[in-house]
C-alpha atoms as a PDB file:
ATOM      1  CA  UNK A   1      21.256   2.133  -4.570  1.00  0.00           C
ATOM      2  CA  UNK A   2      24.974   2.319  -5.329  1.00  0.00           C
ATOM      3  CA  UNK A   3      25.606  -0.150  -2.504  1.00  0.00           C
ATOM      4  CA  UNK A   4      23.215  -2.608  -4.119  1.00  0.00           C
ATOM      5  CA  UNK A   5      24.849  -2.397  -7.544  1.00  0.00           C
ATOM      6  CA  UNK A   6      28.246  -2.639  -5.890  1.00  0.00           C
ATOM      7  CA  UNK A   7      27.069  -5.748  -4.033  1.00  0.00           C
ATOM      8  CA  UNK A   8      25.995  -7.365  -7.303  1.00  0.00           C
ATOM      9  CA  UNK A   9      29.357  -6.526  -8.898  1.00  0.00           C
ATOM     10  CA  UNK A  10      31.329  -7.934  -5.973  1.00  0.00           C
ATOM     11  CA  UNK A  11      29.288 -11.150  -5.943  1.00  0.00           C
ATOM     12  CA  UNK A  12      29.693 -11.708  -9.680  1.00  0.00           C
ATOM     13  CA  UNK A  13      33.433 -10.980  -9.548  1.00  0.00           C
ATOM     14  CA  UNK A  14      33.882 -13.337  -6.601  1.00  0.00           C
ATOM     15  CA  UNK A  15      32.012 -16.086  -8.411  1.00  0.00           C
ATOM     16  CA  UNK A  16      34.151 -15.676 -11.526  1.00  0.00           C
ATOM     17  CA  UNK A  17      37.380 -15.759  -9.522  1.00  0.00           C
ATOM     18  CA  UNK A  18      36.265 -18.815  -7.575  1.00  0.00           C
ATOM     19  CA  UNK A  19      35.753 -20.689 -10.844  1.00  0.00           C
ATOM     20  CA  UNK A  20      39.477 -20.288 -11.488  1.00  0.00           C
ATOM     21  CA  UNK A  21      40.657 -21.066  -7.950  1.00  0.00           C
ATOM     22  CA  UNK A  22      38.082 -23.662  -6.904  1.00  0.00           C
ATOM     23  CA  UNK A  23      34.613 -23.428  -5.413  1.00  0.00           C
ATOM     24  CA  UNK A  24      34.467 -21.362  -2.233  1.00  0.00           C
ATOM     25  CA  UNK A  25      32.121 -21.906   0.694  1.00  0.00           C
ATOM     26  CA  UNK A  26      30.212 -18.714  -0.097  1.00  0.00           C
ATOM     27  CA  UNK A  27      29.623 -19.906  -3.632  1.00  0.00           C
ATOM     28  CA  UNK A  28      28.323 -23.256  -2.366  1.00  0.00           C
ATOM     29  CA  UNK A  29      25.880 -21.477  -0.052  1.00  0.00           C
ATOM     30  CA  UNK A  30      24.830 -19.067  -2.782  1.00  0.00           C
ATOM     31  CA  UNK A  31      24.242 -21.762  -5.392  1.00  0.00           C
ATOM     32  CA  UNK A  32      22.426 -24.023  -2.950  1.00  0.00           C
ATOM     33  CA  UNK A  33      20.052 -21.230  -1.938  1.00  0.00           C
ATOM     34  CA  UNK A  34      19.584 -20.289  -5.586  1.00  0.00           C
ATOM     35  CA  UNK A  35      18.702 -23.849  -6.597  1.00  0.00           C
ATOM     36  CA  UNK A  36      16.273 -24.250  -3.689  1.00  0.00           C
ATOM     37  CA  UNK A  37      14.738 -20.862  -4.466  1.00  0.00           C
ATOM     38  CA  UNK A  38      14.183 -21.971  -8.061  1.00  0.00           C
ATOM     39  CA  UNK A  39      12.326 -25.114  -6.972  1.00  0.00           C
ATOM     40  CA  UNK A  40      10.166 -23.239  -4.472  1.00  0.00           C
ATOM     41  CA  UNK A  41       9.502 -20.457  -6.987  1.00  0.00           C
ATOM     42  CA  UNK A  42       8.314 -22.918  -9.647  1.00  0.00           C
ATOM     43  CA  UNK A  43       5.894 -24.541  -7.198  1.00  0.00           C
ATOM     44  CA  UNK A  44       4.715 -21.141  -6.000  1.00  0.00           C
ATOM     45  CA  UNK A  45       4.231 -19.945  -9.567  1.00  0.00           C
ATOM     46  CA  UNK A  46       1.857 -22.832 -10.296  1.00  0.00           C
ATOM     47  CA  UNK A  47      -0.015 -22.359  -7.020  1.00  0.00           C
ATOM     48  CA  UNK A  48      -0.513 -18.623  -7.425  1.00  0.00           C
ATOM     49  CA  UNK A  49      -1.455 -19.049 -11.093  1.00  0.00           C
ATOM     50  CA  UNK A  50      -4.167 -21.493  -9.983  1.00  0.00           C
ATOM     51  CA  UNK A  51      -5.505 -18.992  -7.453  1.00  0.00           C
ATOM     52  CA  UNK A  52      -5.446 -16.225 -10.072  1.00  0.00           C
ATOM     53  CA  UNK A  53      -7.351 -18.410 -12.535  1.00  0.00           C
ATOM     54  CA  UNK A  54     -10.122 -19.371 -10.119  1.00  0.00           C
ATOM     55  CA  UNK A  55     -10.569 -15.953  -8.515  1.00  0.00           C
ATOM     56  CA  UNK A  56     -10.212 -14.070 -11.770  1.00  0.00           C
ATOM     57  CA  UNK A  57     -12.372 -16.167 -14.101  1.00  0.00           C
ATOM     58  CA  UNK A  58     -14.160 -18.990 -12.264  1.00  0.00           C
ATOM     59  CA  UNK A  59     -15.576 -17.559  -9.035  1.00  0.00           C
ATOM     60  CA  UNK A  60     -17.757 -14.657  -8.007  1.00  0.00           C
ATOM     61  CA  UNK A  61     -15.813 -12.025  -6.109  1.00  0.00           C
ATOM     62  CA  UNK A  62     -16.401 -10.493  -2.724  1.00  0.00           C
ATOM     63  CA  UNK A  63     -14.456  -8.005  -0.621  1.00  0.00           C
ATOM     64  CA  UNK A  64     -11.997 -10.590   0.660  1.00  0.00           C
ATOM     65  CA  UNK A  65     -11.474 -12.459  -2.614  1.00  0.00           C
ATOM     66  CA  UNK A  66     -10.448  -9.198  -4.331  1.00  0.00           C
ATOM     67  CA  UNK A  67      -7.651  -8.807  -1.800  1.00  0.00           C
ATOM     68  CA  UNK A  68      -6.570 -12.429  -2.226  1.00  0.00           C
ATOM     69  CA  UNK A  69      -6.600 -11.991  -6.011  1.00  0.00           C
ATOM     70  CA  UNK A  70      -4.231  -9.029  -5.775  1.00  0.00           C
ATOM     71  CA  UNK A  71      -2.060 -10.773  -3.181  1.00  0.00           C
ATOM     72  CA  UNK A  72      -1.724 -13.774  -5.492  1.00  0.00           C
ATOM     73  CA  UNK A  73      -0.839 -11.380  -8.317  1.00  0.00           C
ATOM     74  CA  UNK A  74       1.959  -9.832  -6.266  1.00  0.00           C
ATOM     75  CA  UNK A  75       3.303 -13.275  -5.362  1.00  0.00           C
ATOM     76  CA  UNK A  76       3.056 -14.373  -8.994  1.00  0.00           C
ATOM     77  CA  UNK A  77       5.151 -11.413 -10.186  1.00  0.00           C
ATOM     78  CA  UNK A  78       7.691 -12.018  -7.423  1.00  0.00           C
ATOM     79  CA  UNK A  79       7.994 -15.690  -8.413  1.00  0.00           C
ATOM     80  CA  UNK A  80       8.373 -14.921 -12.128  1.00  0.00           C
ATOM     81  CA  UNK A  81      11.302 -12.569 -11.707  1.00  0.00           C
ATOM     82  CA  UNK A  82      12.890 -14.776  -9.085  1.00  0.00           C
ATOM     83  CA  UNK A  83      12.821 -17.719 -11.510  1.00  0.00           C
ATOM     84  CA  UNK A  84      14.494 -15.608 -14.210  1.00  0.00           C
ATOM     85  CA  UNK A  85      17.230 -14.568 -11.802  1.00  0.00           C
ATOM     86  CA  UNK A  86      17.792 -18.146 -10.599  1.00  0.00           C
ATOM     87  CA  UNK A  87      18.251 -19.357 -14.173  1.00  0.00           C
ATOM     88  CA  UNK A  88      20.841 -16.639 -14.773  1.00  0.00           C
ATOM     89  CA  UNK A  89      22.830 -17.734 -11.722  1.00  0.00           C
ATOM     90  CA  UNK A  90      22.540 -21.494 -12.292  1.00  0.00           C
ATOM     91  CA  UNK A  91      23.548 -21.243 -15.953  1.00  0.00           C
ATOM     92  CA  UNK A  92      26.660 -19.230 -14.986  1.00  0.00           C
ATOM     93  CA  UNK A  93      25.681 -16.201 -17.042  1.00  0.00           C
ATOM     94  CA  UNK A  94      27.676 -13.593 -15.156  1.00  0.00           C
ATOM     95  CA  UNK A  95      28.109 -10.981 -17.874  1.00  0.00           C
ATOM     96  CA  UNK A  96      24.688  -9.466 -17.304  1.00  0.00           C
ATOM     97  CA  UNK A  97      24.031  -5.766 -17.897  1.00  0.00           C
ATOM     98  CA  UNK A  98      23.771  -3.701 -14.730  1.00  0.00           C
ATOM     99  CA  UNK A  99      20.339  -2.387 -15.702  1.00  0.00           C
ATOM    100  CA  UNK A 100      18.996  -5.958 -15.517  1.00  0.00           C
ATOM    101  CA  UNK A 101      19.834  -6.158 -11.820  1.00  0.00           C
ATOM    102  CA  UNK A 102      18.346  -2.725 -11.204  1.00  0.00           C
ATOM    103  CA  UNK A 103      15.100  -3.643 -12.985  1.00  0.00           C
ATOM    104  CA  UNK A 104      15.015  -7.046 -11.305  1.00  0.00           C
ATOM    105  CA  UNK A 105      15.409  -5.504  -7.850  1.00  0.00           C
ATOM    106  CA  UNK A 106      12.846  -2.814  -8.578  1.00  0.00           C
ATOM    107  CA  UNK A 107      10.170  -5.304  -9.694  1.00  0.00           C
ATOM    108  CA  UNK A 108      10.807  -7.516  -6.661  1.00  0.00           C
ATOM    109  CA  UNK A 109      10.406  -4.481  -4.419  1.00  0.00           C
ATOM    110  CA  UNK A 110       7.146  -3.519  -6.135  1.00  0.00           C
ATOM    111  CA  UNK A 111       5.745  -7.019  -5.654  1.00  0.00           C
ATOM    112  CA  UNK A 112       6.974  -7.224  -2.062  1.00  0.00           C
ATOM    113  CA  UNK A 113       5.591  -3.828  -1.034  1.00  0.00           C
ATOM    114  CA  UNK A 114       2.268  -4.525  -2.762  1.00  0.00           C
ATOM    115  CA  UNK A 115       1.892  -7.924  -1.111  1.00  0.00           C
ATOM    116  CA  UNK A 116       2.745  -6.560   2.325  1.00  0.00           C
ATOM    117  CA  UNK A 117       0.372  -3.608   1.895  1.00  0.00           C
ATOM    118  CA  UNK A 118      -2.517  -5.831   0.791  1.00  0.00           C
ATOM    119  CA  UNK A 119      -1.915  -8.287   3.636  1.00  0.00           C
ATOM    120  CA  UNK A 120      -1.908  -5.405   6.115  1.00  0.00           C
ATOM    121  CA  UNK A 121      -5.219  -4.125   4.751  1.00  0.00           C
ATOM    122  CA  UNK A 122      -6.734  -7.622   4.971  1.00  0.00           C
ATOM    123  CA  UNK A 123      -5.807  -7.997   8.628  1.00  0.00           C
ATOM    124  CA  UNK A 124      -6.896  -4.464   9.516  1.00  0.00           C
ATOM    125  CA  UNK A 125     -10.217  -4.742   7.712  1.00  0.00           C
ATOM    126  CA  UNK A 126     -11.093  -8.049   9.361  1.00  0.00           C
ATOM    127  CA  UNK A 127     -10.339  -6.531  12.757  1.00  0.00           C
ATOM    128  CA  UNK A 128     -12.665  -3.616  11.971  1.00  0.00           C
ATOM    129  CA  UNK A 129     -15.373  -6.034  10.851  1.00  0.00           C
ATOM    130  CA  UNK A 130     -15.174  -7.803  14.222  1.00  0.00           C
ATOM    131  CA  UNK A 131     -15.163  -4.623  16.294  1.00  0.00           C
ATOM    132  CA  UNK A 132     -17.881  -2.804  14.325  1.00  0.00           C
ATOM    133  CA  UNK A 133     -19.797  -5.466  12.362  1.00  0.00           C
ATOM    134  CA  UNK A 134     -22.907  -3.366  11.673  1.00  0.00           C
ATOM    135  CA  UNK A 135     -20.932  -0.449  10.302  1.00  0.00           C
ATOM    136  CA  UNK A 136     -18.780  -2.791   8.233  1.00  0.00           C
ATOM    137  CA  UNK A 137     -21.723  -4.547   6.601  1.00  0.00           C
ATOM    138  CA  UNK A 138     -23.960  -1.523   6.088  1.00  0.00           C
ATOM    139  CA  UNK A 139     -21.671   1.463   5.574  1.00  0.00           C
ATOM    140  CA  UNK A 140     -18.720  -0.035   3.697  1.00  0.00           C
ATOM    141  CA  UNK A 141     -18.712   1.092   0.034  1.00  0.00           C
ATOM    142  CA  UNK A 142     -19.108  -1.686  -2.490  1.00  0.00           C
ATOM    143  CA  UNK A 143     -15.879  -1.170  -4.442  1.00  0.00           C
ATOM    144  CA  UNK A 144     -13.637  -0.395  -1.476  1.00  0.00           C
ATOM    145  CA  UNK A 145     -11.401  -3.430  -2.013  1.00  0.00           C
ATOM    146  CA  UNK A 146     -10.709  -2.660  -5.676  1.00  0.00           C
ATOM    147  CA  UNK A 147      -9.987   1.012  -4.964  1.00  0.00           C
ATOM    148  CA  UNK A 148      -7.648   0.221  -2.063  1.00  0.00           C
ATOM    149  CA  UNK A 149      -5.725  -2.387  -4.081  1.00  0.00           C
ATOM    150  CA  UNK A 150      -5.287   0.054  -6.966  1.00  0.00           C
ATOM    151  CA  UNK A 151      -3.966   2.749  -4.637  1.00  0.00           C
ATOM    152  CA  UNK A 152      -1.554   0.307  -2.983  1.00  0.00           C
ATOM    153  CA  UNK A 153      -0.192  -0.922  -6.318  1.00  0.00           C
ATOM    154  CA  UNK A 154       0.380   2.636  -7.533  1.00  0.00           C
ATOM    155  CA  UNK A 155       2.004   3.652  -4.255  1.00  0.00           C
ATOM    156  CA  UNK A 156       4.328   0.633  -4.310  1.00  0.00           C
ATOM    157  CA  UNK A 157       5.254   1.383  -7.920  1.00  0.00           C
ATOM    158  CA  UNK A 158       6.088   5.018  -7.175  1.00  0.00           C
ATOM    159  CA  UNK A 159       8.118   4.226  -4.062  1.00  0.00           C
ATOM    160  CA  UNK A 160      10.068   1.465  -5.807  1.00  0.00           C
ATOM    161  CA  UNK A 161      10.800   3.647  -8.829  1.00  0.00           C
ATOM    162  CA  UNK A 162      12.063   6.525  -6.744  1.00  0.00           C
ATOM    163  CA  UNK A 163      14.021   4.304  -4.365  1.00  0.00           C
ATOM    164  CA  UNK A 164      15.469   2.088  -7.106  1.00  0.00           C
ATOM    165  CA  UNK A 165      17.377   2.854 -10.272  1.00  0.00           C
ATOM    166  CA  UNK A 166      15.396   6.027 -10.855  1.00  0.00           C
ATOM    167  CA  UNK A 167      16.568   7.235  -7.469  1.00  0.00           C
ATOM    168  CA  UNK A 168      20.120   6.936  -8.750  1.00  0.00           C
ATOM    169  CA  UNK A 169      19.132   8.985 -11.783  1.00  0.00           C
ATOM    170  CA  UNK A 170      17.659  11.700  -9.550  1.00  0.00           C
ATOM    171  CA  UNK A 171      20.904  11.681  -7.579  1.00  0.00           C
ATOM    172  CA  UNK A 172      22.745  13.275 -10.485  1.00  0.00           C
ATOM    173  CA  UNK A 173      20.048  15.822 -11.256  1.00  0.00           C
ATOM    174  CA  UNK A 174      18.619  16.821  -7.887  1.00  0.00           C
ATOM    175  CA  UNK A 175      21.405  16.055  -5.432  1.00  0.00           C
ATOM    176  CA  UNK A 176      21.910  13.283  -2.861  1.00  0.00           C
ATOM    177  CA  UNK A 177      19.495  14.795  -0.352  1.00  0.00           C
ATOM    178  CA  UNK A 178      16.390  13.990  -2.408  1.00  0.00           C
ATOM    179  CA  UNK A 179      17.496  10.419  -3.014  1.00  0.00           C
ATOM    180  CA  UNK A 180      18.082   9.892   0.697  1.00  0.00           C
ATOM    181  CA  UNK A 181      14.652  11.350   1.339  1.00  0.00           C
ATOM    182  CA  UNK A 182      13.036   8.751  -0.920  1.00  0.00           C
ATOM    183  CA  UNK A 183      14.963   5.998   0.846  1.00  0.00           C
ATOM    184  CA  UNK A 184      13.744   7.222   4.227  1.00  0.00           C
ATOM    185  CA  UNK A 185      10.156   7.502   3.001  1.00  0.00           C
ATOM    186  CA  UNK A 186      10.179   3.925   1.687  1.00  0.00           C
ATOM    187  CA  UNK A 187      11.721   2.581   4.890  1.00  0.00           C
ATOM    188  CA  UNK A 188       9.240   4.530   7.024  1.00  0.00           C
ATOM    189  CA  UNK A 189       6.317   3.180   4.984  1.00  0.00           C
ATOM    190  CA  UNK A 190       7.640  -0.356   5.385  1.00  0.00           C
ATOM    191  CA  UNK A 191       7.931   0.057   9.162  1.00  0.00           C
ATOM    192  CA  UNK A 192       4.383   1.422   9.339  1.00  0.00           C
ATOM    193  CA  UNK A 193       3.092  -1.598   7.420  1.00  0.00           C
ATOM    194  CA  UNK A 194       4.945  -4.013   9.714  1.00  0.00           C
ATOM    195  CA  UNK A 195       3.606  -2.340  12.855  1.00  0.00           C
ATOM    196  CA  UNK A 196       0.012  -2.139  11.596  1.00  0.00           C
ATOM    197  CA  UNK A 197       0.089  -5.741  10.349  1.00  0.00           C
ATOM    198  CA  UNK A 198       1.405  -7.093  13.630  1.00  0.00           C
ATOM    199  CA  UNK A 199      -0.873  -4.916  15.754  1.00  0.00           C
ATOM    200  CA  UNK A 200      -4.066  -5.645  13.828  1.00  0.00           C
ATOM    201  CA  UNK A 201      -3.322  -9.386  13.703  1.00  0.00           C
ATOM    202  CA  UNK A 202      -2.726  -9.594  17.456  1.00  0.00           C
ATOM    203  CA  UNK A 203      -5.816  -7.494  18.123  1.00  0.00           C
ATOM    204  CA  UNK A 204      -7.878  -9.745  15.842  1.00  0.00           C
ATOM    205  CA  UNK A 205      -6.731 -12.920  17.600  1.00  0.00           C
ATOM    206  CA  UNK A 206      -7.260 -11.448  21.072  1.00  0.00           C
ATOM    207  CA  UNK A 207     -10.692 -10.126  20.142  1.00  0.00           C
ATOM    208  CA  UNK A 208     -11.827 -13.492  18.793  1.00  0.00           C
ATOM    209  CA  UNK A 209     -10.563 -15.628  21.679  1.00  0.00           C
ATOM    210  CA  UNK A 210     -10.545 -13.203  24.619  1.00  0.00           C
ATOM    211  CA  UNK A 211     -13.154 -10.588  23.708  1.00  0.00           C
ATOM    212  CA  UNK A 212     -16.390  -9.922  25.551  1.00  0.00           C
ATOM    213  CA  UNK A 213     -18.485 -10.812  22.523  1.00  0.00           C
ATOM    214  CA  UNK A 214     -18.223 -14.369  21.286  1.00  0.00           C
ATOM    215  CA  UNK A 215     -17.034 -14.378  17.686  1.00  0.00           C
ATOM    216  CA  UNK A 216     -17.292 -17.667  15.743  1.00  0.00           C
ATOM    217  CA  UNK A 217     -13.982 -18.861  14.327  1.00  0.00           C
ATOM    218  CA  UNK A 218     -14.595 -19.249  10.605  1.00  0.00           C
ATOM    219  CA  UNK A 219     -12.304 -20.501   7.867  1.00  0.00           C
ATOM    220  CA  UNK A 220     -11.712 -16.914   6.800  1.00  0.00           C
ATOM    221  CA  UNK A 221     -10.113 -16.002  10.124  1.00  0.00           C
ATOM    222  CA  UNK A 222      -8.000 -19.164  10.096  1.00  0.00           C
ATOM    223  CA  UNK A 223      -6.793 -18.309   6.585  1.00  0.00           C
ATOM    224  CA  UNK A 224      -5.861 -14.765   7.615  1.00  0.00           C
ATOM    225  CA  UNK A 225      -4.048 -15.810  10.792  1.00  0.00           C
ATOM    226  CA  UNK A 226      -1.963 -18.475   9.056  1.00  0.00           C
ATOM    227  CA  UNK A 227      -1.143 -16.191   6.120  1.00  0.00           C
ATOM    228  CA  UNK A 228       0.059 -13.423   8.448  1.00  0.00           C
ATOM    229  CA  UNK A 229       2.017 -15.893  10.586  1.00  0.00           C
ATOM    230  CA  UNK A 230       3.817 -17.340   7.565  1.00  0.00           C
ATOM    231  CA  UNK A 231       4.693 -13.854   6.353  1.00  0.00           C
ATOM    232  CA  UNK A 232       6.138 -12.808   9.709  1.00  0.00           C
ATOM    233  CA  UNK A 233       8.347 -15.910   9.743  1.00  0.00           C
ATOM    234  CA  UNK A 234       9.435 -16.125   6.105  1.00  0.00           C
ATOM    235  CA  UNK A 235       8.630 -12.811   4.427  1.00  0.00           C
ATOM    236  CA  UNK A 236       9.741 -10.342   7.071  1.00  0.00           C
ATOM    237  CA  UNK A 237      13.526 -11.060   6.835  1.00  0.00           C
ATOM    238  CA  UNK A 238      13.603  -9.963   3.177  1.00  0.00           C
ATOM    239  CA  UNK A 239      12.043  -6.611   3.992  1.00  0.00           C
ATOM    240  CA  UNK A 240      14.283  -5.999   6.991  1.00  0.00           C
ATOM    241  CA  UNK A 241      17.398  -6.828   4.983  1.00  0.00           C
ATOM    242  CA  UNK A 242      16.637  -5.094   1.712  1.00  0.00           C
ATOM    243  CA  UNK A 243      14.990  -1.905   2.939  1.00  0.00           C
ATOM    244  CA  UNK A 244      16.818  -1.375   6.228  1.00  0.00           C
ATOM    245  CA  UNK A 245      20.054  -3.326   6.788  1.00  0.00           C
ATOM    246  CA  UNK A 246      21.298  -3.031   3.207  1.00  0.00           C
ATOM    247  CA  UNK A 247      21.638   0.726   3.608  1.00  0.00           C
ATOM    248  CA  UNK A 248      23.741   0.443   6.778  1.00  0.00           C
ATOM    249  CA  UNK A 249      27.310   0.413   5.500  1.00  0.00           C
ATOM    250  CA  UNK A 250      28.690  -1.411   8.558  1.00  0.00           C
ATOM    251  CA  UNK A 251      26.285  -4.295   7.969  1.00  0.00           C
ATOM    252  CA  UNK A 252      26.748  -4.174   4.198  1.00  0.00           C
ATOM    253  CA  UNK A 253      30.511  -4.579   4.506  1.00  0.00           C
ATOM    254  CA  UNK A 254      30.376  -7.343   7.149  1.00  0.00           C
ATOM    255  CA  UNK A 255      27.177  -9.255   6.416  1.00  0.00           C
ATOM    256  CA  UNK A 256      27.190 -13.069   6.713  1.00  0.00           C
ATOM    257  CA  UNK A 257      27.991 -15.143   3.666  1.00  0.00           C
ATOM    258  CA  UNK A 258      24.916 -15.803   1.542  1.00  0.00           C
ATOM    259  CA  UNK A 259      22.648 -13.712   3.774  1.00  0.00           C
ATOM    260  CA  UNK A 260      20.918 -12.061   0.828  1.00  0.00           C
ATOM    261  CA  UNK A 261      20.244 -15.416  -0.866  1.00  0.00           C
ATOM    262  CA  UNK A 262      18.777 -16.811   2.349  1.00  0.00           C
ATOM    263  CA  UNK A 263      16.338 -13.907   2.693  1.00  0.00           C
ATOM    264  CA  UNK A 264      15.235 -14.326  -0.930  1.00  0.00           C
ATOM    265  CA  UNK A 265      14.781 -18.069  -0.366  1.00  0.00           C
ATOM    266  CA  UNK A 266      12.615 -17.413   2.708  1.00  0.00           C
ATOM    267  CA  UNK A 267      10.561 -14.878   0.777  1.00  0.00           C
ATOM    268  CA  UNK A 268       9.982 -17.481  -1.949  1.00  0.00           C
ATOM    269  CA  UNK A 269       8.681 -19.857   0.711  1.00  0.00           C
ATOM    270  CA  UNK A 270       6.285 -17.152   1.891  1.00  0.00           C
ATOM    271  CA  UNK A 271       4.884 -16.564  -1.603  1.00  0.00           C
ATOM    272  CA  UNK A 272       4.640 -20.298  -2.258  1.00  0.00           C
ATOM    273  CA  UNK A 273       2.916 -21.035   1.061  1.00  0.00           C
ATOM    274  CA  UNK A 274      -0.097 -18.772   0.531  1.00  0.00           C
ATOM    275  CA  UNK A 275      -1.928 -20.972  -2.045  1.00  0.00           C
ATOM    276  CA  UNK A 276      -1.099 -24.043   0.041  1.00  0.00           C
ATOM    277  CA  UNK A 277      -2.706 -22.381   3.071  1.00  0.00           C
ATOM    278  CA  UNK A 278      -5.890 -21.637   1.114  1.00  0.00           C
ATOM    279  CA  UNK A 279      -6.295 -25.194  -0.128  1.00  0.00           C
ATOM    280  CA  UNK A 280      -5.385 -26.799   3.215  1.00  0.00           C
ATOM    281  CA  UNK A 281      -7.830 -24.652   5.173  1.00  0.00           C
ATOM    282  CA  UNK A 282     -10.505 -25.402   2.600  1.00  0.00           C
ATOM    283  CA  UNK A 283      -9.858 -29.156   2.744  1.00  0.00           C
ATOM    284  CA  UNK A 284     -10.268 -29.541   6.509  1.00  0.00           C
ATOM    285  CA  UNK A 285     -13.740 -30.257   7.821  1.00  0.00           C
ATOM    286  CA  UNK A 286     -14.540 -31.508  11.294  1.00  0.00           C
ATOM    287  CA  UNK A 287     -10.836 -32.178  12.010  1.00  0.00           C
ATOM    288  CA  UNK A 288     -10.308 -34.345   8.950  1.00  0.00           C
ATOM    289  CA  UNK A 289      -9.235 -33.794   5.366  1.00  0.00           C
ATOM    290  CA  UNK A 290     -11.640 -34.154   2.462  1.00  0.00           C
ATOM    291  CA  UNK A 291     -10.909 -34.477  -1.225  1.00  0.00           C
ATOM    292  CA  UNK A 292     -12.733 -31.827  -3.203  1.00  0.00           C
ATOM    293  CA  UNK A 293     -12.081 -29.783  -6.307  1.00  0.00           C
ATOM    294  CA  UNK A 294      -9.581 -26.946  -5.986  1.00  0.00           C
ATOM    295  CA  UNK A 295     -12.303 -24.427  -6.739  1.00  0.00           C
ATOM    296  CA  UNK A 296     -14.451 -25.668  -3.867  1.00  0.00           C
ATOM    297  CA  UNK A 297     -11.461 -25.721  -1.522  1.00  0.00           C
ATOM    298  CA  UNK A 298     -10.677 -22.111  -2.394  1.00  0.00           C
ATOM    299  CA  UNK A 299     -14.296 -21.127  -1.795  1.00  0.00           C
ATOM    300  CA  UNK A 300     -14.272 -22.851   1.579  1.00  0.00           C
ATOM    301  CA  UNK A 301     -11.087 -21.079   2.645  1.00  0.00           C
ATOM    302  CA  UNK A 302     -12.922 -17.748   2.270  1.00  0.00           C
ATOM    303  CA  UNK A 303     -16.090 -18.688   4.135  1.00  0.00           C
ATOM    304  CA  UNK A 304     -17.018 -16.033   6.655  1.00  0.00           C
ATOM    305  CA  UNK A 305     -19.828 -17.857   8.480  1.00  0.00           C
ATOM    306  CA  UNK A 306     -20.072 -21.348  10.037  1.00  0.00           C
ATOM    307  CA  UNK A 307     -23.413 -22.053   8.359  1.00  0.00           C
ATOM    308  CA  UNK A 308     -22.169 -21.205   4.880  1.00  0.00           C
ATOM    309  CA  UNK A 309     -20.424 -24.543   4.440  1.00  0.00           C
ATOM    310  CA  UNK A 310     -23.441 -26.653   5.280  1.00  0.00           C
ATOM    311  CA  UNK A 311     -25.736 -24.550   3.111  1.00  0.00           C
ATOM    312  CA  UNK A 312     -23.313 -24.687   0.208  1.00  0.00           C
ATOM    313  CA  UNK A 313     -22.941 -28.465   0.297  1.00  0.00           C
ATOM    314  CA  UNK A 314     -26.497 -29.472   1.166  1.00  0.00           C
ATOM    315  CA  UNK A 315     -28.329 -26.846  -0.820  1.00  0.00           C
ATOM    316  CA  UNK A 316     -27.628 -28.358  -4.220  1.00  0.00           C
ATOM    317  CA  UNK A 317     -29.081 -31.760  -3.255  1.00  0.00           C
ATOM    318  CA  UNK A 318     -32.012 -30.663  -1.070  1.00  0.00           C
ATOM    319  CA  UNK A 319     -33.234 -27.637  -3.022  1.00  0.00           C
ATOM    320  CA  UNK A 320     -35.109 -29.632  -5.726  1.00  0.00           C
ATOM    321  CA  UNK A 321     -36.954 -31.654  -3.048  1.00  0.00           C
ATOM    322  CA  UNK A 322     -37.873 -28.517  -1.138  1.00  0.00           C
ATOM    323  CA  UNK A 323     -39.200 -26.851  -4.296  1.00  0.00           C
ATOM    324  CA  UNK A 324     -41.336 -29.900  -5.119  1.00  0.00           C
ATOM    325  CA  UNK A 325     -42.706 -30.038  -1.571  1.00  0.00           C
ATOM    326  CA  UNK A 326     -43.633 -26.361  -1.585  1.00  0.00           C
ATOM    327  CA  UNK A 327     -45.260 -26.701  -5.003  1.00  0.00           C
ATOM    328  CA  UNK A 328     -47.360 -29.687  -3.890  1.00  0.00           C
ATOM    329  CA  UNK A 329     -48.467 -27.791  -0.810  1.00  0.00           C
ATOM    330  CA  UNK A 330     -49.573 -24.806  -2.880  1.00  0.00           C
ATOM    331  CA  UNK A 331     -51.536 -27.025  -5.256  1.00  0.00           C
ATOM    332  CA  UNK A 332     -53.283 -28.767  -2.364  1.00  0.00           C
ATOM    333  CA  UNK A 333     -54.210 -25.434  -0.796  1.00  0.00           C
ATOM    334  CA  UNK A 334     -55.661 -24.145  -4.078  1.00  0.00           C
ATOM    335  CA  UNK A 335     -57.753 -27.310  -4.538  1.00  0.00           C
ATOM    336  CA  UNK A 336     -59.209 -27.008  -1.007  1.00  0.00           C
ATOM    337  CA  UNK A 337     -59.978 -23.341  -1.578  1.00  0.00           C
ATOM    338  CA  UNK A 338     -61.943 -24.142  -4.743  1.00  0.00           C
END
């Protein structure tokens, strides 16, 4: 963690010196990435807040929506603290206490680890539901999603605390060996999540399109595949840099200019893209876009059966007619019987 604090100090000092001697190229890259990150973070904050509102207060929850609710919560926290940091940089407030950067980094790590863990569980659970559908529907406990999300949040909190500023505190009381152990544990957990996420996603896609049993491609699978794909492109660089490369001194001393800001910018895109994916998948029907309410679009994005869409849209208009028809038939049968 000392390398991280040292990196912050060097960046702030370099920015202050460049104000006296002119704007350097590194400062231009850093400020550009910071400004773009702020814009993306603001959009992502609104999108994830919308998802949190609908899933938390406006819609009935199922196993998948609980995961999406927690994933949106992790992205929301990540966006909030990223916006605060961007405002600090843009407003040229360089005399910031060191504990702010430590807390800021720790919260970002908690949100990142939680989001990655939840996304990994989503992909793995959908693969299990395809491979063993009867067991999944009949034997899966009712509150599994809530319990798993709680465990993942607590685990991410503990790992981030021990690997962050608190790890530096333990360094002075327990020796450097324990701190290094926490760093290795966090990195190992991150690698496990990456491997499981990639493996389960590939297995899910191959099972759906190349498996022996024909599995209908529902909106739910499309949502999962696109969410995982966006994370691997935009979210993965942040994890590789912060939890792995940052601790390699050779890379830390010779890393490209603005590399850290670029990884944060890409991670902001990942968090911002998730709500957009939900609403886009929910808006497409029969290869064309339809204008519906955001709540309905979010419900559609989580549909797990092809027939669910037609029933949901046609049921509200046809159900009164069907009830009247059945009632008339019963009355006619009773009259004949008498």
